[in-house]
Amino acid sequence: MKKIFHSQQISIILLLTLALLFSANNADACSCFSPSLKEAVEESANIVILKLQAVEKYQEGENGYGVGGVRQSRLTVEKVFKGNFKIGQSLSFKQGGGGDCVWTFYEKGIGTEYLFFLDAKPDKKNLWEGYICSRSNSLAGAAADLKYLEALSKVNGKTRLSGTLARRDEPAVEGETRSYHRLAGKTVTISGNGKNIKLKTDENGVYEIYDLPPGKYTVTPEKVTGYKSEDADDKDSAEVEIKAKSVTEQDFEFTIDNSIGGRFFDSSGKPLKGVHLDLIPARGNAPPYFYHGKVTDEDGAFEFKKIPIGTYLIVVNKENEISARQPFGTFYYPNKTIREEAAEITIDAGVHLKNLTITAPTTAETVTVSGVLRFEDGKPVSDEAVAFFNNIDDITKIKENEFADSRVTTDENGRFSLRILKGEKGILFGSLYFDKYEKCPKLDSLIRAKRESFRTTETPFILIEADRDLTGIELKFPFPNCPKAKK
């Protein structure tokens, strides 16, 4: 039934898996923290409202650094809050490069007004730089800051609590864009220190209050039907602390609250764990960064959350990779192999669709492989992995497997049971993280002999021919049980 092989080549599998998990295309991106409003006001040499008048682009064939082919932009001063600029003064701005945190301008934005927090001088080329991380923003996005700046001479030194209520909607199909709706006329309740104050947001979704005594307060925005607040960790309110002469901000951004859930079964009616489901637009392509994928749990249950308003299909095993975990090809909810016959699901804000049933139209035959994972001294190994890899041409040359065909975790008695497609051949082995154990001379000796940087070690592997259910398999590490390392 089985053959045991002692081979150093088992680590090739782990290398391939780790390479897949940790490799990614890392695009340059701006990453920084914006200062508080009070810090920005105190630290910026110039605070002005500017209007974009024109952009200068690179000529055809000319290599340029700026985003969108823009070399530089010309803006005029509309209002001065701080600094020595003059109304109507023309300023030339450097174009950002995408990952340098410098503001980028576009031709379609001509006429847009901005609130900019600027340094004292331009650069050596006489170009100003608007930094994304300086609180600079479009005028529409800077409404709360503007209210403070407009009243600065009267309120300087007073406590201020303010924030913006906004709703964010993500696109459902390619071509649509993310939208922000500033929530006007919403009630915000501030309670604490014996006070219970109700405020209304203005036309820009901004609320503010001055002269609150120092102390801790609870800020509770009016609920938005079908949405939840992200900024309060999905809670109904947020706790803030007001300090003397402080300017405190508490925004609330509401995102959609909805879900689609149900259970998955194979063709015999058995719930399956580890099946991958994808929610995709019924028509058109998914927009960039749209991802709604789920893996079923022990009971075959799944749930998609925070879904953009739209109409969708659920596709099962999208990659059409038949395995023991997914013993069927691609199909669509409820059980159609042809996309055009799939059931469409329309979802709106606040809608929670439950109890959907997805049943595989056909299920490839599988066999069960079960046994126990032990240490050399016979003691069981609990809560560690047992994995099966298929597609082996040569026992010393493992093909490039992305993931194990089947993988489980042992129970408290070291027992395991996993499914394998009937007729497959491959290797079965157990593995553990060796740094979970201490005072293990024999384990330490094995690690030194391997001369590898992996944090895992494996049992000798067993060749499996899955033509029938296999029981009573014993996988054994070549070292005795050792004490668990202290965390």
Protein backbone atom coordinates (compact mmCIF):
# COMPACT_ATOMS: atom_id res chain seq x y z
CA MET A 1 0.00 0.00 0.00
CA LYS A 2 2.77 2.47 0.79
CA LYS A 3 6.45 3.13 0.33
CA ILE A 4 8.53 5.37 2.60
CA PHE A 5 11.22 7.61 1.15
CA HIS A 6 13.84 9.62 3.09
CA SER A 7 14.52 12.64 0.92
CA GLN A 8 15.91 16.15 1.36
CA GLN A 9 13.95 17.19 -1.71
CA ILE A 10 10.75 17.66 0.32
CA SER A 11 11.85 21.25 1.09
CA ILE A 12 11.43 22.10 -2.60
CA ILE A 13 7.67 22.06 -2.03
CA LEU A 14 7.97 24.49 0.83
CA LEU A 15 10.26 26.76 -1.18
CA LEU A 16 7.77 26.91 -4.04
CA THR A 17 4.88 27.63 -1.70
CA LEU A 18 6.72 30.35 0.20
CA ALA A 19 7.90 31.97 -3.03
CA LEU A 20 4.30 32.20 -4.21
CA LEU A 21 3.04 33.60 -0.92
CA PHE A 22 5.69 36.29 -0.55
CA SER A 23 6.26 37.43 -4.14
CA ALA A 24 4.26 40.41 -5.37
CA ASN A 25 4.56 43.34 -7.70
CA ASN A 26 5.15 46.31 -5.42
CA ALA A 27 4.11 49.50 -7.18
CA ASP A 28 5.44 52.78 -5.89
CA ALA A 29 2.84 54.54 -3.77
CA CYS A 30 2.70 57.56 -1.52
CA SER A 31 2.57 56.56 2.13
CA CYS A 32 2.54 59.14 4.92
CA PHE A 33 0.58 60.63 7.80
CA SER A 34 -1.09 64.02 7.52
CA PRO A 35 -0.62 66.48 10.38
CA SER A 36 -3.50 67.63 12.55
CA LEU A 37 -5.23 70.80 11.43
CA LYS A 38 -3.63 72.78 14.25
CA GLU A 39 -0.15 71.46 13.35
CA ALA A 40 -0.68 72.22 9.67
CA VAL A 41 -1.72 75.81 10.43
CA GLU A 42 1.24 76.37 12.73
CA GLU A 43 3.87 74.69 10.54
CA SER A 44 2.88 75.90 7.05
CA ALA A 45 4.44 79.15 5.84
CA ASN A 46 1.65 79.72 3.31
CA ILE A 47 -2.00 78.68 3.41
CA VAL A 48 -3.93 79.67 0.29
CA ILE A 49 -6.84 78.87 -1.98
CA LEU A 50 -5.60 78.31 -5.53
CA LYS A 51 -7.37 77.73 -8.85
CA LEU A 52 -5.90 75.53 -11.59
CA GLN A 53 -5.61 77.61 -14.76
CA ALA A 54 -3.50 75.50 -17.13
CA VAL A 55 -1.24 72.46 -17.43
CA GLU A 56 1.89 72.22 -19.56
CA LYS A 57 2.46 68.81 -21.11
CA TYR A 58 5.60 67.18 -22.46
CA GLN A 59 5.96 67.27 -26.21
CA GLU A 60 5.42 64.11 -28.24
CA GLY A 61 8.48 61.88 -27.99
CA GLU A 62 9.83 63.78 -25.00
CA ASN A 63 10.43 61.70 -21.89
CA GLY A 64 8.73 63.13 -18.82
CA TYR A 65 8.62 62.27 -15.15
CA GLY A 66 5.23 63.73 -14.26
CA VAL A 67 2.01 61.72 -14.07
CA GLY A 68 -0.33 62.06 -17.07
CA GLY A 69 2.40 63.55 -19.28
CA VAL A 70 2.18 66.85 -17.38
CA ARG A 71 5.42 68.81 -16.94
CA GLN A 72 4.06 71.53 -14.65
CA SER A 73 0.86 73.44 -13.88
CA ARG A 74 -0.13 77.06 -13.41
CA LEU A 75 -2.44 78.09 -10.57
CA THR A 76 -3.58 81.50 -9.39
CA VAL A 77 -4.08 82.72 -5.83
CA GLU A 78 -7.77 83.18 -4.93
CA LYS A 79 -7.48 83.78 -1.18
CA VAL A 80 -4.70 84.02 1.40
CA PHE A 81 -5.07 82.72 4.98
CA LYS A 82 -1.38 82.85 5.83
CA GLY A 83 1.71 84.12 4.02
CA ASN A 84 2.60 86.97 1.65
CA PHE A 85 0.98 85.90 -1.60
CA LYS A 86 -1.18 88.38 -3.49
CA ILE A 87 -4.65 87.75 -4.88
CA GLY A 88 -4.34 86.89 -8.56
CA GLN A 89 -0.66 85.95 -8.28
CA SER A 90 0.33 83.15 -10.67
CA LEU A 91 2.30 80.18 -9.31
CA SER A 92 3.93 77.32 -11.22
CA PHE A 93 3.66 73.88 -9.60
CA LYS A 94 5.76 70.79 -10.04
CA GLN A 95 3.87 67.72 -11.25
CA GLY A 96 4.00 64.70 -8.96
CA GLY A 97 5.45 61.40 -10.11
CA GLY A 98 2.90 59.08 -8.49
CA GLY A 99 4.94 57.71 -5.59
CA ASP A 100 6.63 60.88 -4.35
CA CYS A 101 3.63 62.32 -2.45
CA VAL A 102 3.66 65.43 -4.67
CA TRP A 103 0.27 66.64 -5.92
CA THR A 104 -0.68 65.71 -9.49
CA PHE A 105 -2.79 67.92 -11.74
CA TYR A 106 -4.77 66.99 -14.86
CA GLU A 107 -6.09 68.95 -17.80
CA LYS A 108 -9.66 67.91 -17.05
CA GLY A 109 -9.29 69.55 -13.63
CA ILE A 110 -8.77 73.07 -15.00
CA GLY A 111 -10.97 75.44 -13.00
CA THR A 112 -10.78 73.31 -9.83
CA GLU A 113 -10.00 75.15 -6.60
CA TYR A 114 -7.70 73.81 -3.90
CA LEU A 115 -6.75 74.61 -0.33
CA PHE A 116 -2.96 74.24 -0.15
CA PHE A 117 -0.62 74.24 2.83
CA LEU A 118 2.75 75.28 1.33
CA ASP A 119 6.39 75.74 2.33
CA ALA A 120 8.02 79.18 2.51
CA LYS A 121 9.75 78.99 -0.90
CA PRO A 122 9.54 77.13 -4.22
CA ASP A 123 12.33 74.77 -5.32
CA LYS A 124 15.46 75.76 -7.24
CA LYS A 125 13.52 75.70 -10.51
CA ASN A 126 11.01 78.15 -9.01
CA LEU A 127 8.34 75.42 -8.90
CA TRP A 128 6.06 75.03 -5.90
CA GLU A 129 5.20 71.60 -4.57
CA GLY A 130 1.82 70.66 -3.16
CA TYR A 131 2.34 67.73 -0.82
CA ILE A 132 -0.45 65.18 -0.49
CA CYS A 133 0.51 64.64 3.14
CA SER A 134 0.25 68.31 4.15
CA ARG A 135 -3.59 68.34 4.40
CA SER A 136 -3.73 70.03 0.98
CA ASN A 137 -6.99 69.11 -0.70
CA SER A 138 -9.56 70.16 -3.24
CA LEU A 139 -11.84 72.87 -1.91
CA ALA A 140 -14.73 70.37 -1.81
CA GLY A 141 -12.69 68.01 0.35
CA ALA A 142 -11.39 70.72 2.66
CA ALA A 143 -14.75 72.08 3.88
CA ALA A 144 -14.08 71.42 7.59
CA ASP A 145 -10.62 73.00 7.41
CA LEU A 146 -12.01 76.01 5.60
CA LYS A 147 -14.59 76.68 8.32
CA TYR A 148 -11.80 76.80 10.87
CA LEU A 149 -9.53 79.00 8.76
CA GLU A 150 -12.34 81.45 8.03
CA ALA A 151 -12.96 81.89 11.77
CA LEU A 152 -9.35 81.54 12.95
CA SER A 153 -8.95 85.06 14.33
CA LYS A 154 -12.02 84.60 16.53
CA VAL A 155 -11.53 81.01 17.68
CA ASN A 156 -7.77 80.72 18.04
CA GLY A 157 -7.03 79.16 21.45
CA LYS A 158 -10.51 77.72 21.92
CA THR A 159 -11.23 74.01 21.90
CA ARG A 160 -12.79 72.75 18.70
CA LEU A 161 -14.44 69.42 17.89
CA SER A 162 -15.35 68.90 14.26
CA GLY A 163 -15.70 66.31 11.58
CA THR A 164 -17.28 65.35 8.29
CA LEU A 165 -20.02 62.80 7.62
CA ALA A 166 -19.71 61.21 4.20
CA ARG A 167 -20.92 58.13 2.39
CA ARG A 168 -18.62 56.17 0.09
CA ASP A 169 -19.91 54.00 -2.74
CA GLU A 170 -17.58 51.67 -4.64
CA PRO A 171 -18.06 50.91 -8.35
CA ALA A 172 -19.70 47.65 -9.39
CA VAL A 173 -18.42 47.49 -12.98
CA GLU A 174 -15.47 48.80 -14.96
CA GLY A 175 -15.97 52.37 -16.12
CA GLU A 176 -17.74 53.49 -12.96
CA THR A 177 -15.85 55.46 -10.32
CA ARG A 178 -15.88 55.59 -6.53
CA SER A 179 -18.23 58.30 -5.29
CA TYR A 180 -18.39 60.33 -2.09
CA HIS A 181 -21.62 61.87 -0.87
CA ARG A 182 -21.23 64.44 1.89
CA LEU A 183 -24.15 64.01 4.25
CA ALA A 184 -25.91 67.31 4.91
CA GLY A 185 -28.54 67.86 7.60
CA LYS A 186 -27.54 64.85 9.69
CA THR A 187 -27.69 64.95 13.48
CA VAL A 188 -24.49 64.46 15.50
CA THR A 189 -24.88 63.97 19.25
CA ILE A 190 -22.02 64.84 21.61
CA SER A 191 -22.37 63.59 25.19
CA GLY A 192 -20.08 63.64 28.21
CA ASN A 193 -19.07 65.86 31.11
CA GLY A 194 -22.74 66.35 31.92
CA LYS A 195 -23.52 67.61 28.41
CA ASN A 196 -25.76 66.25 25.68
CA ILE A 197 -25.45 68.45 22.59
CA LYS A 198 -27.07 67.89 19.21
CA LEU A 199 -25.54 69.42 16.09
CA LYS A 200 -26.55 69.39 12.42
CA THR A 201 -24.11 68.91 9.56
CA ASP A 202 -23.95 71.73 7.03
CA GLU A 203 -24.27 71.47 3.25
CA ASN A 204 -20.77 69.91 3.12
CA GLY A 205 -21.51 67.30 5.78
CA VAL A 206 -19.44 69.20 8.39
CA TYR A 207 -20.28 69.58 12.09
CA GLU A 208 -18.29 71.65 14.57
CA ILE A 209 -18.48 73.01 18.10
CA TYR A 210 -16.16 75.33 20.04
CA ASP A 211 -15.44 75.84 23.73
CA LEU A 212 -16.21 72.31 24.95
CA PRO A 213 -14.59 71.88 28.38
CA PRO A 214 -11.63 69.47 28.36
CA GLY A 215 -12.65 65.85 28.99
CA LYS A 216 -13.85 62.69 27.31
CA TYR A 217 -16.90 62.70 25.05
CA THR A 218 -18.92 60.27 22.95
CA VAL A 219 -19.71 61.38 19.40
CA THR A 220 -22.71 59.64 17.83
CA PRO A 221 -23.73 60.37 14.24
CA GLU A 222 -27.23 59.79 12.93
CA LYS A 223 -27.53 56.36 11.33
CA VAL A 224 -27.45 56.11 7.55
CA THR A 225 -29.84 53.46 6.27
CA GLY A 226 -28.01 50.64 4.54
CA TYR A 227 -24.55 51.83 5.59
CA LYS A 228 -22.11 51.47 8.50
CA SER A 229 -19.44 53.79 9.82
CA GLU A 230 -15.88 52.64 9.11
CA ASP A 231 -14.16 55.34 11.13
CA ALA A 232 -15.81 54.18 14.34
CA ASP A 233 -14.82 50.54 13.67
CA ASP A 234 -18.37 49.75 12.55
CA LYS A 235 -19.70 51.01 15.88
CA ASP A 236 -22.48 53.55 16.30
CA SER A 237 -20.24 56.10 18.04
CA ALA A 238 -16.66 57.16 18.73
CA GLU A 239 -14.85 58.24 21.90
CA VAL A 240 -12.81 61.44 21.79
CA GLU A 241 -10.76 63.34 24.34
CA ILE A 242 -10.81 67.14 24.30
CA LYS A 243 -7.70 68.82 25.69
CA ALA A 244 -7.26 72.49 26.52
CA LYS A 245 -6.89 74.69 23.41
CA SER A 246 -7.02 71.56 21.22
CA VAL A 247 -8.45 71.12 17.73
CA THR A 248 -9.98 67.64 17.66
CA GLU A 249 -11.32 65.83 14.60
CA GLN A 250 -13.67 62.88 14.33
CA ASP A 251 -14.85 62.03 10.84
CA PHE A 252 -17.39 59.35 9.98
CA GLU A 253 -17.21 57.65 6.60
CA PHE A 254 -20.11 55.31 5.92
CA THR A 255 -19.68 52.28 3.68
CA ILE A 256 -22.30 49.93 2.38
CA ASP A 257 -23.80 47.33 4.70
CA ASN A 258 -25.18 44.32 2.85
CA SER A 259 -24.40 40.65 2.31
CA ILE A 260 -25.03 37.52 0.26
CA GLY A 261 -24.68 34.22 2.08
CA GLY A 262 -25.60 30.58 1.98
CA ARG A 263 -24.17 27.07 1.88
CA PHE A 264 -22.37 24.91 -0.66
CA PHE A 265 -22.99 21.18 -1.29
CA ASP A 266 -21.53 18.57 -3.60
CA SER A 267 -23.77 16.63 -5.96
CA SER A 268 -24.56 14.08 -3.23
CA GLY A 269 -25.76 16.78 -0.81
CA LYS A 270 -22.66 16.82 1.36
CA PRO A 271 -21.40 20.27 2.52
CA LEU A 272 -17.86 20.99 1.36
CA LYS A 273 -15.14 23.01 3.07
CA GLY A 274 -12.50 24.99 1.16
CA VAL A 275 -14.46 25.64 -2.04
CA HIS A 276 -13.60 28.99 -3.62
CA LEU A 277 -16.48 31.24 -4.72
CA ASP A 278 -16.22 34.53 -6.60
CA LEU A 279 -18.82 37.26 -6.94
CA ILE A 280 -18.55 38.83 -10.42
CA PRO A 281 -20.62 41.43 -12.30
CA ALA A 282 -23.44 39.87 -14.31
CA ARG A 283 -22.61 42.23 -17.18
CA GLY A 284 -19.38 44.03 -17.93
CA ASN A 285 -16.00 43.59 -16.28
CA ALA A 286 -15.10 44.06 -12.65
CA PRO A 287 -13.41 47.41 -11.90
CA PRO A 288 -9.80 47.61 -10.68
CA TYR A 289 -9.32 46.47 -7.08
CA PHE A 290 -12.74 44.80 -7.06
CA TYR A 291 -12.43 41.47 -5.28
CA HIS A 292 -15.16 39.53 -3.60
CA GLY A 293 -13.94 35.98 -3.13
CA LYS A 294 -14.84 33.57 -0.33
CA VAL A 295 -13.87 30.08 0.76
CA THR A 296 -16.50 27.84 2.34
CA ASP A 297 -16.12 26.78 5.98
CA GLU A 298 -16.61 23.38 7.65
CA ASP A 299 -20.38 23.48 7.05
CA GLY A 300 -20.07 24.70 3.47
CA ALA A 301 -21.15 28.18 4.59
CA PHE A 302 -20.06 31.39 2.85
CA GLU A 303 -20.88 35.09 3.05
CA PHE A 304 -19.97 38.07 0.86
CA LYS A 305 -20.08 41.47 2.58
CA LYS A 306 -19.90 45.15 1.62
CA ILE A 307 -20.95 44.57 -1.98
CA PRO A 308 -21.30 47.53 -4.36
CA ILE A 309 -24.89 48.03 -5.48
CA GLY A 310 -25.42 45.98 -8.65
CA THR A 311 -26.29 42.65 -10.25
CA TYR A 312 -23.93 39.70 -9.89
CA LEU A 313 -23.22 36.05 -10.60
CA ILE A 314 -21.53 33.61 -8.23
CA VAL A 315 -18.88 31.54 -10.00
CA VAL A 316 -17.48 28.40 -8.36
CA ASN A 317 -13.89 27.24 -9.00
CA LYS A 318 -13.29 30.12 -11.39
CA GLU A 319 -9.85 28.79 -12.38
CA ASN A 320 -11.34 25.41 -13.33
CA GLU A 321 -8.68 23.53 -11.38
CA ILE A 322 -10.22 20.23 -10.31
CA SER A 323 -8.83 18.92 -7.04
CA ALA A 324 -9.91 17.03 -3.94
CA ARG A 325 -10.86 20.34 -2.39
CA GLN A 326 -12.89 21.29 -5.47
CA PRO A 327 -13.82 18.01 -7.20
CA PHE A 328 -15.68 19.71 -10.07
CA GLY A 329 -15.04 22.18 -12.88
CA THR A 330 -16.21 25.77 -13.13
CA PHE A 331 -19.95 26.40 -12.73
CA TYR A 332 -22.34 29.15 -11.66
CA TYR A 333 -25.00 29.59 -9.00
CA PRO A 334 -27.18 27.66 -8.48
CA ASN A 335 -25.64 24.76 -10.50
CA LYS A 336 -25.21 25.80 -14.15
CA THR A 337 -22.10 25.08 -16.20
CA ILE A 338 -23.08 27.65 -18.84
CA ARG A 339 -22.72 31.28 -17.75
CA GLU A 340 -25.76 32.45 -19.73
CA GLU A 341 -27.95 30.05 -17.70
CA ALA A 342 -26.69 31.31 -14.32
CA ALA A 343 -29.07 32.98 -11.85
CA GLU A 344 -28.48 36.70 -11.42
CA ILE A 345 -28.42 38.24 -7.94
CA THR A 346 -29.25 41.92 -7.46
CA ILE A 347 -28.09 43.54 -4.24
CA ASP A 348 -28.77 46.98 -2.76
CA ALA A 349 -27.67 48.86 0.36
CA GLY A 350 -29.04 47.34 3.56
CA VAL A 351 -30.09 44.09 1.84
CA HIS A 352 -28.94 40.81 3.42
CA LEU A 353 -29.63 37.77 1.26
CA LYS A 354 -29.31 34.57 3.26
CA ASN A 355 -29.78 30.84 2.80
CA LEU A 356 -28.67 30.61 -0.83
CA THR A 357 -28.00 27.01 -1.80
CA ILE A 358 -25.29 26.15 -4.32
CA THR A 359 -25.02 22.53 -5.43
CA ALA A 360 -22.29 21.15 -7.68
CA PRO A 361 -23.83 19.66 -10.86
CA THR A 362 -21.28 16.83 -10.81
CA THR A 363 -18.62 15.81 -8.34
CA ALA A 364 -15.49 13.85 -9.19
CA GLU A 365 -14.98 10.74 -7.08
CA THR A 366 -12.63 11.13 -4.12
CA VAL A 367 -11.08 8.78 -1.60
CA THR A 368 -10.30 9.43 2.05
CA VAL A 369 -6.79 9.14 3.43
CA SER A 370 -6.60 9.00 7.23
CA GLY A 371 -4.13 8.18 9.94
CA VAL A 372 -2.08 9.69 12.75
CA LEU A 373 0.91 12.02 12.99
CA ARG A 374 3.41 11.06 15.72
CA PHE A 375 6.76 11.91 17.19
CA GLU A 376 9.55 9.31 17.16
CA ASP A 377 8.60 8.22 20.68
CA GLY A 378 5.01 7.49 19.59
CA LYS A 379 3.37 10.54 21.14
CA PRO A 380 0.76 12.22 18.93
CA VAL A 381 1.44 15.55 17.23
CA SER A 382 -1.56 17.85 17.55
CA ASP A 383 -2.42 21.02 15.67
CA GLU A 384 0.15 20.52 12.90
CA ALA A 385 -0.21 20.14 9.13
CA VAL A 386 -0.53 17.04 6.99
CA ALA A 387 -0.38 17.70 3.23
CA PHE A 388 -0.73 15.78 -0.03
CA PHE A 389 0.99 16.89 -3.25
CA ASN A 390 0.17 15.27 -6.57
CA ASN A 391 1.75 15.34 -10.05
CA ILE A 392 5.16 13.83 -9.29
CA ASP A 393 7.30 12.65 -12.22
CA ASP A 394 10.37 11.81 -10.20
CA ILE A 395 10.43 11.36 -6.46
CA THR A 396 13.45 13.69 -6.21
CA LYS A 397 12.04 16.32 -8.57
CA ILE A 398 8.73 17.72 -7.45
CA LYS A 399 6.83 19.71 -10.06
CA GLU A 400 5.94 23.32 -9.39
CA ASN A 401 2.85 22.96 -7.21
CA GLU A 402 1.27 26.29 -6.23
CA PHE A 403 -0.34 24.77 -3.15
CA ALA A 404 -0.87 21.35 -1.68
CA ASP A 405 -3.66 19.46 -3.43
CA SER A 406 -5.07 18.72 0.01
CA ARG A 407 -4.04 19.93 3.46
CA VAL A 408 -5.50 19.43 6.95
CA THR A 409 -4.55 20.08 10.58
CA THR A 410 -4.27 17.23 13.07
CA ASP A 411 -6.65 17.01 16.03
CA GLU A 412 -5.62 16.79 19.69
CA ASN A 413 -4.80 13.08 19.24
CA GLY A 414 -2.69 13.65 16.13
CA ARG A 415 -5.36 12.19 13.84
CA PHE A 416 -5.93 13.46 10.33
CA SER A 417 -8.35 12.73 7.47
CA LEU A 418 -8.18 14.31 4.04
CA ARG A 419 -9.75 13.82 0.62
CA ILE A 420 -7.81 13.02 -2.56
CA LEU A 421 -9.15 12.65 -6.10
CA LYS A 422 -9.51 8.99 -6.90
CA GLY A 423 -6.69 7.74 -9.10
CA GLU A 424 -4.20 10.43 -8.15
CA LYS A 425 -0.64 9.62 -7.16
CA GLY A 426 1.49 11.81 -4.95
CA ILE A 427 3.26 12.26 -1.65
CA LEU A 428 1.86 12.62 1.85
CA PHE A 429 3.82 14.12 4.73
CA GLY A 430 3.47 15.97 8.02
CA SER A 431 5.19 19.24 8.90
CA LEU A 432 5.61 21.45 11.95
CA TYR A 433 7.17 24.74 12.90
CA PHE A 434 10.30 23.73 14.78
CA ASP A 435 10.53 27.02 16.69
CA LYS A 436 7.36 26.00 18.56
CA TYR A 437 9.51 23.48 20.46
CA GLU A 438 12.57 23.80 22.69
CA LYS A 439 15.23 21.62 24.32
CA CYS A 440 15.23 19.20 21.35
CA PRO A 441 18.84 18.10 20.63
CA LYS A 442 17.86 15.66 17.91
CA LEU A 443 15.60 18.22 16.19
CA ASP A 444 18.35 20.84 16.42
CA SER A 445 20.79 18.39 14.85
CA LEU A 446 18.40 17.73 11.94
CA ILE A 447 17.92 21.45 11.36
CA ARG A 448 21.68 22.04 11.26
CA ALA A 449 22.12 19.16 8.83
CA LYS A 450 19.54 20.60 6.45
CA ARG A 451 21.29 23.98 6.42
CA GLU A 452 18.11 25.70 5.30
CA SER A 453 16.38 28.84 6.50
CA PHE A 454 12.87 27.34 6.66
CA ARG A 455 11.10 27.37 10.01
CA THR A 456 9.46 24.01 9.25
CA THR A 457 10.63 20.43 9.31
CA GLU A 458 8.90 17.42 7.80
CA THR A 459 8.32 13.71 8.24
CA PRO A 460 9.69 11.29 5.64
CA PHE A 461 7.07 11.32 2.91
CA ILE A 462 4.86 8.49 1.80
CA LEU A 463 3.95 7.69 -1.80
CA ILE A 464 0.18 7.48 -2.12
CA GLU A 465 -1.82 5.78 -4.89
CA ALA A 466 -5.39 6.90 -4.27
CA ASP A 467 -7.35 4.02 -5.82
CA ARG A 468 -9.38 3.41 -2.64
CA ASP A 469 -9.85 4.75 0.90
CA LEU A 470 -6.64 4.44 2.88
CA THR A 471 -6.72 4.18 6.67
CA GLY A 472 -4.23 3.57 9.46
CA ILE A 473 -1.41 5.58 7.88
CA GLU A 474 1.29 6.63 10.32
CA LEU A 475 3.50 9.64 9.70
CA LYS A 476 6.38 9.98 12.14
CA PHE A 477 8.91 12.73 12.81
CA PRO A 478 12.47 11.41 13.35
CA PHE A 479 12.79 13.04 16.80
CA PRO A 480 10.93 12.64 20.10
CA ASN A 481 8.30 14.91 21.61
CA CYS A 482 9.78 18.06 23.13
CA PRO A 483 8.38 20.78 25.39
CA LYS A 484 6.52 23.62 23.72
CA ALA A 485 8.53 26.83 23.57
CA LYS A 486 7.33 29.63 25.83
CA LYS A 487 5.65 32.46 23.95
